[in-house]
Amino acid sequence: MLWKLLLIASLCLSPVLVRAQEEDQIMDGDEDSLDDGAPLDDGSPLDDGEPIVHEERTNTEEEDFVIKASPDAKVFYACPKMSDETRFPGGKMVKTLIGFQNNGHKSFIVENVEAGFRYPMDYNYVIQNFTSFRYNREVAPGATQTFLYMFVPSEQLAGGSRTFSLVMSLNYKDDEGNLFIDSPFNETVSVYEVDEGFDTEIFFMYILLAAFFGIMLFGAQYLLSSAFGGRKPARKTIETGTGGGIDYDYIPRDHLKKTAKAGKRD
């Protein structure tokens, strides 16, 4: 009976011993391969053995959306009624002339002009926006056209030492529909207060008020005099009769005597 138990135990332990011997052989083989001095893999590509070159991405897609000025067009700016083009009156209309010169072989269409005051340190911060003027005028090759643009700086920005960036943008396109934008004026400016010594509007307003009050006083005086004024006594009429004679009863006697004596002397 004992020998049967030993036989069964030997049969159960034999696979475990064989597996342990195989694992020892594998470990010995790996140590031998490491001791051969073969270089380790440094992460090189597995396909062709050449290193991967990481190309820098360019912002070509973003640059395509940036609208720039056309090299065949030239814009310029003029303010004929101002001696200093960097100082503008607050609350008064400023008239400017914007010229567009087509130096190319294609026609351009000037769409509109827009302007505004911006913060000098940050152009994204808009202080005052002005009205956009729309033209939609075609400029032939080799031609030059002038456009009138007007804006009114706010009176609240006048005074002090504050400065602003006046940015004017002219939007135009060519025959193929390509959009362009150019800035004829982009400089730092200031707004000053207008000191007017004599205001004609206020003067005429005072004249109208004085005339109105004069008419009111005249009308009130007329109404009061007609309502409460005393009536004048009626004159007594004297009847001379129908006989054609003269009635001397109303003449004093002394006066009749004097006239009689004067008639005798004559």
C-alpha atoms as a PDB file:
ATOM      1  CA  MET A   1       0.000   0.000   0.000  1.00  0.00           C
ATOM      2  CA  LEU A   2       2.869   2.336   0.783  1.00  0.00           C
ATOM      3  CA  TRP A   3       4.569   1.851  -2.501  1.00  0.00           C
ATOM      4  CA  LYS A   4       1.360   2.838  -4.313  1.00  0.00           C
ATOM      5  CA  LEU A   5       1.248   6.165  -2.464  1.00  0.00           C
ATOM      6  CA  LEU A   6       4.897   6.895  -3.348  1.00  0.00           C
ATOM      7  CA  LEU A   7       4.207   6.143  -7.029  1.00  0.00           C
ATOM      8  CA  ILE A   8       1.266   8.542  -7.140  1.00  0.00           C
ATOM      9  CA  ALA A   9       3.287  11.331  -5.436  1.00  0.00           C
ATOM     10  CA  SER A  10       6.177  10.924  -7.880  1.00  0.00           C
ATOM     11  CA  LEU A  11       3.854  11.156 -10.858  1.00  0.00           C
ATOM     12  CA  CYS A  12       2.342  14.417  -9.491  1.00  0.00           C
ATOM     13  CA  LEU A  13       5.692  16.084  -8.749  1.00  0.00           C
ATOM     14  CA  SER A  14       7.415  15.247 -12.049  1.00  0.00           C
ATOM     15  CA  PRO A  15       5.692  17.994 -14.203  1.00  0.00           C
ATOM     16  CA  VAL A  16       6.532  20.637 -11.594  1.00  0.00           C
ATOM     17  CA  LEU A  17      10.196  19.697 -11.634  1.00  0.00           C
ATOM     18  CA  VAL A  18      10.325  19.737 -15.447  1.00  0.00           C
ATOM     19  CA  ARG A  19       8.748  23.217 -15.594  1.00  0.00           C
ATOM     20  CA  ALA A  20      11.193  24.586 -13.017  1.00  0.00           C
ATOM     21  CA  GLN A  21      14.129  23.260 -15.052  1.00  0.00           C
ATOM     22  CA  GLU A  22      12.800  24.949 -18.252  1.00  0.00           C
ATOM     23  CA  GLU A  23      12.414  28.329 -16.470  1.00  0.00           C
ATOM     24  CA  ASP A  24      15.986  28.090 -15.156  1.00  0.00           C
ATOM     25  CA  GLN A  25      17.241  27.440 -18.677  1.00  0.00           C
ATOM     26  CA  ILE A  26      15.367  30.498 -20.044  1.00  0.00           C
ATOM     27  CA  MET A  27      16.766  32.756 -17.341  1.00  0.00           C
ATOM     28  CA  ASP A  28      20.275  31.519 -18.009  1.00  0.00           C
ATOM     29  CA  GLY A  29      19.824  32.226 -21.725  1.00  0.00           C
ATOM     30  CA  ASP A  30      18.667  35.821 -21.091  1.00  0.00           C
ATOM     31  CA  GLU A  31      21.639  36.512 -18.841  1.00  0.00           C
ATOM     32  CA  ASP A  32      23.971  35.217 -21.528  1.00  0.00           C
ATOM     33  CA  SER A  33      22.417  37.488 -24.141  1.00  0.00           C
ATOM     34  CA  LEU A  34      22.822  40.498 -21.853  1.00  0.00           C
ATOM     35  CA  ASP A  35      26.431  39.691 -21.186  1.00  0.00           C
ATOM     36  CA  ASP A  36      27.261  39.631 -24.947  1.00  0.00           C
ATOM     37  CA  GLY A  37      27.577  43.483 -25.008  1.00  0.00           C
ATOM     38  CA  ALA A  38      24.875  44.078 -27.641  1.00  0.00           C
ATOM     39  CA  PRO A  39      23.641  47.736 -27.674  1.00  0.00           C
ATOM     40  CA  LEU A  40      20.228  48.451 -26.276  1.00  0.00           C
ATOM     41  CA  ASP A  41      17.373  49.853 -28.381  1.00  0.00           C
ATOM     42  CA  ASP A  42      17.361  53.667 -28.156  1.00  0.00           C
ATOM     43  CA  GLY A  43      13.835  54.090 -29.465  1.00  0.00           C
ATOM     44  CA  SER A  44      14.712  54.333 -33.147  1.00  0.00           C
ATOM     45  CA  PRO A  45      11.916  53.685 -35.677  1.00  0.00           C
ATOM     46  CA  LEU A  46      11.153  50.120 -36.452  1.00  0.00           C
ATOM     47  CA  ASP A  47      10.462  50.521 -40.171  1.00  0.00           C
ATOM     48  CA  ASP A  48      13.625  51.809 -41.783  1.00  0.00           C
ATOM     49  CA  GLY A  49      15.904  52.619 -38.885  1.00  0.00           C
ATOM     50  CA  GLU A  50      16.049  56.361 -39.698  1.00  0.00           C
ATOM     51  CA  PRO A  51      15.266  58.927 -36.972  1.00  0.00           C
ATOM     52  CA  ILE A  52      11.916  60.719 -37.174  1.00  0.00           C
ATOM     53  CA  VAL A  53      12.216  64.420 -38.016  1.00  0.00           C
ATOM     54  CA  HIS A  54       9.529  66.500 -36.290  1.00  0.00           C
ATOM     55  CA  GLU A  55       8.613  69.264 -38.732  1.00  0.00           C
ATOM     56  CA  GLU A  56       7.579  72.591 -37.197  1.00  0.00           C
ATOM     57  CA  ARG A  57       4.018  73.568 -38.026  1.00  0.00           C
ATOM     58  CA  THR A  58       3.593  76.925 -39.670  1.00  0.00           C
ATOM     59  CA  ASN A  59       0.544  79.103 -39.221  1.00  0.00           C
ATOM     60  CA  THR A  60      -0.227  79.175 -42.917  1.00  0.00           C
ATOM     61  CA  GLU A  61      -3.918  78.636 -42.331  1.00  0.00           C
ATOM     62  CA  GLU A  62      -4.111  81.591 -39.942  1.00  0.00           C
ATOM     63  CA  GLU A  63      -2.080  83.800 -42.256  1.00  0.00           C
ATOM     64  CA  ASP A  64      -4.485  83.086 -45.090  1.00  0.00           C
ATOM     65  CA  PHE A  65      -7.279  84.798 -43.120  1.00  0.00           C
ATOM     66  CA  VAL A  66      -5.264  87.953 -42.405  1.00  0.00           C
ATOM     67  CA  ILE A  67      -6.452  90.728 -44.725  1.00  0.00           C
ATOM     68  CA  LYS A  68      -3.627  92.949 -45.908  1.00  0.00           C
ATOM     69  CA  ALA A  69      -3.185  95.854 -48.297  1.00  0.00           C
ATOM     70  CA  SER A  70      -2.730  95.289 -51.993  1.00  0.00           C
ATOM     71  CA  PRO A  71       0.712  96.154 -53.423  1.00  0.00           C
ATOM     72  CA  ASP A  72      -1.023  97.694 -56.456  1.00  0.00           C
ATOM     73  CA  ALA A  73      -2.962 100.284 -54.414  1.00  0.00           C
ATOM     74  CA  LYS A  74      -1.846 103.348 -52.498  1.00  0.00           C
ATOM     75  CA  VAL A  75      -3.908 105.355 -50.015  1.00  0.00           C
ATOM     76  CA  PHE A  76      -3.234 108.778 -48.480  1.00  0.00           C
ATOM     77  CA  TYR A  77      -4.897 111.196 -46.106  1.00  0.00           C
ATOM     78  CA  ALA A  78      -5.420 114.970 -45.921  1.00  0.00           C
ATOM     79  CA  CYS A  79      -7.311 117.366 -43.680  1.00  0.00           C
ATOM     80  CA  PRO A  80      -7.330 120.696 -45.538  1.00  0.00           C
ATOM     81  CA  LYS A  81      -9.032 122.875 -42.891  1.00  0.00           C
ATOM     82  CA  MET A  82      -6.746 121.974 -40.002  1.00  0.00           C
ATOM     83  CA  SER A  83      -3.240 123.264 -39.391  1.00  0.00           C
ATOM     84  CA  ASP A  84      -2.393 120.461 -36.952  1.00  0.00           C
ATOM     85  CA  GLU A  85      -3.689 117.049 -38.005  1.00  0.00           C
ATOM     86  CA  THR A  86      -2.988 115.541 -34.575  1.00  0.00           C
ATOM     87  CA  ARG A  87      -5.343 117.840 -32.606  1.00  0.00           C
ATOM     88  CA  PHE A  88      -9.102 117.713 -33.156  1.00  0.00           C
ATOM     89  CA  PRO A  89     -11.873 119.906 -31.661  1.00  0.00           C
ATOM     90  CA  GLY A  90     -14.276 118.200 -29.302  1.00  0.00           C
ATOM     91  CA  GLY A  91     -17.924 118.241 -30.367  1.00  0.00           C
ATOM     92  CA  LYS A  92     -17.148 119.674 -33.825  1.00  0.00           C
ATOM     93  CA  MET A  93     -17.318 117.928 -37.171  1.00  0.00           C
ATOM     94  CA  VAL A  94     -13.970 117.101 -38.755  1.00  0.00           C
ATOM     95  CA  LYS A  95     -13.839 116.681 -42.537  1.00  0.00           C
ATOM     96  CA  THR A  96     -11.078 114.567 -44.041  1.00  0.00           C
ATOM     97  CA  LEU A  97     -10.131 113.547 -47.568  1.00  0.00           C
ATOM     98  CA  ILE A  98      -8.933 110.011 -48.290  1.00  0.00           C
ATOM     99  CA  GLY A  99      -7.273 109.346 -51.626  1.00  0.00           C
ATOM    100  CA  PHE A 100      -7.068 105.978 -53.380  1.00  0.00           C
ATOM    101  CA  GLN A 101      -4.609 105.414 -56.224  1.00  0.00           C
ATOM    102  CA  ASN A 102      -4.789 102.280 -58.411  1.00  0.00           C
ATOM    103  CA  ASN A 103      -1.313 101.415 -59.700  1.00  0.00           C
ATOM    104  CA  GLY A 104      -2.199  97.939 -60.957  1.00  0.00           C
ATOM    105  CA  HIS A 105      -3.809  96.426 -64.039  1.00  0.00           C
ATOM    106  CA  LYS A 106      -7.098  95.463 -62.402  1.00  0.00           C
ATOM    107  CA  SER A 107      -9.954  97.554 -61.123  1.00  0.00           C
ATOM    108  CA  PHE A 108     -10.603  97.974 -57.426  1.00  0.00           C
ATOM    109  CA  ILE A 109     -13.908  98.645 -55.705  1.00  0.00           C
ATOM    110  CA  VAL A 110     -13.694 100.856 -52.626  1.00  0.00           C
ATOM    111  CA  GLU A 111     -16.399  99.573 -50.272  1.00  0.00           C
ATOM    112  CA  ASN A 112     -16.279 101.685 -47.101  1.00  0.00           C
ATOM    113  CA  VAL A 113     -14.179 103.669 -44.643  1.00  0.00           C
ATOM    114  CA  GLU A 114     -14.428 103.244 -40.879  1.00  0.00           C
ATOM    115  CA  ALA A 115     -12.547 104.915 -38.030  1.00  0.00           C
ATOM    116  CA  GLY A 116     -12.369 105.132 -34.264  1.00  0.00           C
ATOM    117  CA  PHE A 117     -10.376 106.157 -31.221  1.00  0.00           C
ATOM    118  CA  ARG A 118      -8.432 103.314 -29.612  1.00  0.00           C
ATOM    119  CA  TYR A 119      -6.337 103.009 -26.502  1.00  0.00           C
ATOM    120  CA  PRO A 120      -2.674 103.591 -27.466  1.00  0.00           C
ATOM    121  CA  MET A 121      -1.382 100.708 -25.335  1.00  0.00           C
ATOM    122  CA  ASP A 122      -4.034  98.213 -26.483  1.00  0.00           C
ATOM    123  CA  TYR A 123      -5.580  98.534 -29.945  1.00  0.00           C
ATOM    124  CA  ASN A 124      -8.285  96.025 -29.066  1.00  0.00           C
ATOM    125  CA  TYR A 125      -9.779  98.509 -26.590  1.00  0.00           C
ATOM    126  CA  VAL A 126     -12.059 100.894 -28.513  1.00  0.00           C
ATOM    127  CA  ILE A 127     -12.786 104.250 -26.854  1.00  0.00           C
ATOM    128  CA  GLN A 128     -15.093 105.789 -29.497  1.00  0.00           C
ATOM    129  CA  ASN A 129     -16.375 104.361 -32.761  1.00  0.00           C
ATOM    130  CA  PHE A 130     -17.252 106.685 -35.631  1.00  0.00           C
ATOM    131  CA  THR A 131     -19.825 106.225 -38.369  1.00  0.00           C
ATOM    132  CA  SER A 132     -18.827 103.991 -41.273  1.00  0.00           C
ATOM    133  CA  PHE A 133     -19.195 105.630 -44.700  1.00  0.00           C
ATOM    134  CA  ARG A 134     -20.096 103.277 -47.564  1.00  0.00           C
ATOM    135  CA  TYR A 135     -19.037 104.201 -51.120  1.00  0.00           C
ATOM    136  CA  ASN A 136     -18.996 101.075 -53.376  1.00  0.00           C
ATOM    137  CA  ARG A 137     -17.136 103.013 -56.056  1.00  0.00           C
ATOM    138  CA  GLU A 138     -14.954 101.446 -58.739  1.00  0.00           C
ATOM    139  CA  VAL A 139     -11.450 102.773 -59.358  1.00  0.00           C
ATOM    140  CA  ALA A 140     -10.062 101.916 -62.797  1.00  0.00           C
ATOM    141  CA  PRO A 141      -6.393 100.993 -63.360  1.00  0.00           C
ATOM    142  CA  GLY A 142      -4.168 104.070 -63.277  1.00  0.00           C
ATOM    143  CA  ALA A 143      -6.925 106.256 -61.801  1.00  0.00           C
ATOM    144  CA  THR A 144      -7.059 108.145 -58.510  1.00  0.00           C
ATOM    145  CA  GLN A 145     -10.201 109.044 -56.574  1.00  0.00           C
ATOM    146  CA  THR A 146     -10.793 111.036 -53.416  1.00  0.00           C
ATOM    147  CA  PHE A 147     -13.399 110.178 -50.790  1.00  0.00           C
ATOM    148  CA  LEU A 148     -14.870 112.483 -48.135  1.00  0.00           C
ATOM    149  CA  TYR A 149     -15.033 111.138 -44.594  1.00  0.00           C
ATOM    150  CA  MET A 150     -16.446 113.044 -41.584  1.00  0.00           C
ATOM    151  CA  PHE A 151     -16.453 112.310 -37.872  1.00  0.00           C
ATOM    152  CA  VAL A 152     -17.202 114.159 -34.608  1.00  0.00           C
ATOM    153  CA  PRO A 153     -14.924 113.613 -31.590  1.00  0.00           C
ATOM    154  CA  SER A 154     -16.786 113.472 -28.301  1.00  0.00           C
ATOM    155  CA  GLU A 155     -16.702 116.526 -26.029  1.00  0.00           C
ATOM    156  CA  GLN A 156     -16.145 114.229 -23.050  1.00  0.00           C
ATOM    157  CA  LEU A 157     -12.714 113.302 -24.440  1.00  0.00           C
ATOM    158  CA  ALA A 158     -11.587 116.938 -24.683  1.00  0.00           C
ATOM    159  CA  GLY A 159      -9.187 118.544 -22.284  1.00  0.00           C
ATOM    160  CA  GLY A 160      -6.293 117.266 -20.260  1.00  0.00           C
ATOM    161  CA  SER A 161      -3.212 115.474 -21.487  1.00  0.00           C
ATOM    162  CA  ARG A 162      -4.966 112.337 -22.692  1.00  0.00           C
ATOM    163  CA  THR A 163      -4.007 110.946 -26.084  1.00  0.00           C
ATOM    164  CA  PHE A 164      -5.755 108.471 -28.352  1.00  0.00           C
ATOM    165  CA  SER A 165      -4.884 106.431 -31.405  1.00  0.00           C
ATOM    166  CA  LEU A 166      -6.984 107.443 -34.397  1.00  0.00           C
ATOM    167  CA  VAL A 167      -7.212 104.464 -36.745  1.00  0.00           C
ATOM    168  CA  MET A 168      -8.851 104.807 -40.168  1.00  0.00           C
ATOM    169  CA  SER A 169      -9.450 101.677 -42.215  1.00  0.00           C
ATOM    170  CA  LEU A 170     -10.278 101.623 -45.920  1.00  0.00           C
ATOM    171  CA  ASN A 171     -11.825  98.359 -47.145  1.00  0.00           C
ATOM    172  CA  TYR A 172     -11.695  97.474 -50.845  1.00  0.00           C
ATOM    173  CA  LYS A 173     -11.599  94.467 -53.178  1.00  0.00           C
ATOM    174  CA  ASP A 174     -10.492  93.574 -56.713  1.00  0.00           C
ATOM    175  CA  ASP A 175     -12.386  92.117 -59.672  1.00  0.00           C
ATOM    176  CA  GLU A 176     -11.872  88.577 -58.418  1.00  0.00           C
ATOM    177  CA  GLY A 177     -13.434  89.334 -55.035  1.00  0.00           C
ATOM    178  CA  ASN A 178     -10.200  89.337 -53.021  1.00  0.00           C
ATOM    179  CA  LEU A 179     -10.560  91.553 -49.972  1.00  0.00           C
ATOM    180  CA  PHE A 180      -7.956  94.130 -48.926  1.00  0.00           C
ATOM    181  CA  ILE A 181      -7.668  96.644 -46.123  1.00  0.00           C
ATOM    182  CA  ASP A 182      -5.371  99.631 -45.691  1.00  0.00           C
ATOM    183  CA  SER A 183      -4.979 102.316 -43.051  1.00  0.00           C
ATOM    184  CA  PRO A 184      -4.511 105.831 -44.449  1.00  0.00           C
ATOM    185  CA  PHE A 185      -4.194 107.298 -40.945  1.00  0.00           C
ATOM    186  CA  ASN A 186      -2.909 105.605 -37.791  1.00  0.00           C
ATOM    187  CA  GLU A 187      -1.364 108.086 -35.384  1.00  0.00           C
ATOM    188  CA  THR A 188      -1.653 109.342 -31.821  1.00  0.00           C
ATOM    189  CA  VAL A 189      -3.930 112.397 -31.528  1.00  0.00           C
ATOM    190  CA  SER A 190      -5.553 114.554 -28.842  1.00  0.00           C
ATOM    191  CA  VAL A 191      -8.911 116.330 -28.449  1.00  0.00           C
ATOM    192  CA  TYR A 192      -9.105 119.928 -27.236  1.00  0.00           C
ATOM    193  CA  GLU A 193     -11.967 122.078 -25.955  1.00  0.00           C
ATOM    194  CA  VAL A 194     -13.404 124.719 -28.264  1.00  0.00           C
ATOM    195  CA  ASP A 195     -13.420 128.186 -26.642  1.00  0.00           C
ATOM    196  CA  GLU A 196     -15.967 130.345 -28.478  1.00  0.00           C
ATOM    197  CA  GLY A 197     -16.017 134.008 -27.366  1.00  0.00           C
ATOM    198  CA  PHE A 198     -19.404 134.870 -28.913  1.00  0.00           C
ATOM    199  CA  ASP A 199     -22.146 132.388 -29.639  1.00  0.00           C
ATOM    200  CA  THR A 200     -24.587 133.699 -32.249  1.00  0.00           C
ATOM    201  CA  GLU A 201     -27.186 131.051 -31.449  1.00  0.00           C
ATOM    202  CA  ILE A 202     -27.448 132.131 -27.816  1.00  0.00           C
ATOM    203  CA  PHE A 203     -27.563 135.817 -28.851  1.00  0.00           C
ATOM    204  CA  PHE A 204     -30.519 135.286 -31.194  1.00  0.00           C
ATOM    205  CA  MET A 205     -32.240 133.160 -28.571  1.00  0.00           C
ATOM    206  CA  TYR A 206     -32.077 136.052 -26.114  1.00  0.00           C
ATOM    207  CA  ILE A 207     -33.489 138.426 -28.752  1.00  0.00           C
ATOM    208  CA  LEU A 208     -36.428 136.114 -29.403  1.00  0.00           C
ATOM    209  CA  LEU A 209     -37.142 135.810 -25.684  1.00  0.00           C
ATOM    210  CA  ALA A 210     -37.082 139.607 -25.233  1.00  0.00           C
ATOM    211  CA  ALA A 211     -39.485 140.090 -28.165  1.00  0.00           C
ATOM    212  CA  PHE A 212     -41.813 137.442 -26.760  1.00  0.00           C
ATOM    213  CA  PHE A 213     -41.949 139.048 -23.325  1.00  0.00           C
ATOM    214  CA  GLY A 214     -42.498 142.499 -24.929  1.00  0.00           C
ATOM    215  CA  ILE A 215     -45.516 141.204 -26.841  1.00  0.00           C
ATOM    216  CA  MET A 216     -46.902 139.598 -23.688  1.00  0.00           C
ATOM    217  CA  LEU A 217     -46.593 142.863 -21.699  1.00  0.00           C
ATOM    218  CA  PHE A 218     -48.223 144.901 -24.481  1.00  0.00           C
ATOM    219  CA  GLY A 219     -51.132 142.482 -24.679  1.00  0.00           C
ATOM    220  CA  ALA A 220     -51.623 142.486 -20.907  1.00  0.00           C
ATOM    221  CA  GLN A 221     -51.612 146.306 -20.788  1.00  0.00           C
ATOM    222  CA  TYR A 222     -54.168 146.517 -23.578  1.00  0.00           C
ATOM    223  CA  LEU A 223     -56.505 144.079 -21.853  1.00  0.00           C
ATOM    224  CA  LEU A 224     -56.257 145.876 -18.517  1.00  0.00           C
ATOM    225  CA  SER A 225     -56.848 149.319 -20.018  1.00  0.00           C
ATOM    226  CA  SER A 226     -59.889 148.146 -21.950  1.00  0.00           C
ATOM    227  CA  ALA A 227     -61.387 146.362 -18.958  1.00  0.00           C
ATOM    228  CA  PHE A 228     -60.741 148.831 -16.139  1.00  0.00           C
ATOM    229  CA  GLY A 229     -60.041 152.142 -17.890  1.00  0.00           C
ATOM    230  CA  GLY A 230     -62.479 155.132 -17.357  1.00  0.00           C
ATOM    231  CA  ARG A 231     -64.840 156.133 -20.145  1.00  0.00           C
ATOM    232  CA  LYS A 232     -64.425 159.620 -21.650  1.00  0.00           C
ATOM    233  CA  PRO A 233     -67.524 161.930 -21.243  1.00  0.00           C
ATOM    234  CA  ALA A 234     -69.523 162.602 -24.363  1.00  0.00           C
ATOM    235  CA  ARG A 235     -69.427 166.134 -25.785  1.00  0.00           C
ATOM    236  CA  LYS A 236     -72.610 168.208 -25.581  1.00  0.00           C
ATOM    237  CA  THR A 237     -74.058 168.947 -28.985  1.00  0.00           C
ATOM    238  CA  ILE A 238     -75.361 172.440 -29.690  1.00  0.00           C
ATOM    239  CA  GLU A 239     -78.372 172.832 -31.942  1.00  0.00           C
ATOM    240  CA  THR A 240     -78.430 176.012 -34.092  1.00  0.00           C
ATOM    241  CA  GLY A 241     -82.007 175.624 -35.208  1.00  0.00           C
ATOM    242  CA  THR A 242     -83.505 175.443 -38.638  1.00  0.00           C
ATOM    243  CA  GLY A 243     -84.239 179.128 -39.235  1.00  0.00           C
ATOM    244  CA  GLY A 244     -80.744 179.978 -40.224  1.00  0.00           C
ATOM    245  CA  GLY A 245     -80.323 182.543 -37.387  1.00  0.00           C
ATOM    246  CA  ILE A 246     -77.602 182.554 -34.713  1.00  0.00           C
ATOM    247  CA  ASP A 247     -78.377 181.689 -31.116  1.00  0.00           C
ATOM    248  CA  TYR A 248     -76.412 183.992 -28.789  1.00  0.00           C
ATOM    249  CA  ASP A 249     -77.733 182.568 -25.516  1.00  0.00           C
ATOM    250  CA  TYR A 250     -74.711 180.414 -24.888  1.00  0.00           C
ATOM    251  CA  ILE A 251     -72.311 183.372 -25.400  1.00  0.00           C
ATOM    252  CA  PRO A 252     -71.502 185.445 -22.264  1.00  0.00           C
ATOM    253  CA  ARG A 253     -72.857 188.996 -22.232  1.00  0.00           C
ATOM    254  CA  ASP A 254     -69.479 190.579 -21.512  1.00  0.00           C
ATOM    255  CA  HIS A 255     -68.056 189.032 -24.614  1.00  0.00           C
ATOM    256  CA  LEU A 256     -70.993 190.333 -26.702  1.00  0.00           C
ATOM    257  CA  LYS A 257     -70.465 193.882 -25.428  1.00  0.00           C
ATOM    258  CA  LYS A 258     -66.766 193.796 -26.287  1.00  0.00           C
ATOM    259  CA  THR A 259     -67.419 192.551 -29.809  1.00  0.00           C
ATOM    260  CA  ALA A 260     -70.043 195.240 -30.325  1.00  0.00           C
ATOM    261  CA  LYS A 261     -67.697 198.010 -29.298  1.00  0.00           C
ATOM    262  CA  ALA A 262     -64.976 196.669 -31.530  1.00  0.00           C
ATOM    263  CA  GLY A 263     -67.394 196.636 -34.459  1.00  0.00           C
ATOM    264  CA  LYS A 264     -68.325 200.308 -33.935  1.00  0.00           C
ATOM    265  CA  ARG A 265     -64.714 201.371 -33.926  1.00  0.00           C
ATOM    266  CA  ASP A 266     -64.179 199.732 -37.229  1.00  0.00           C
END
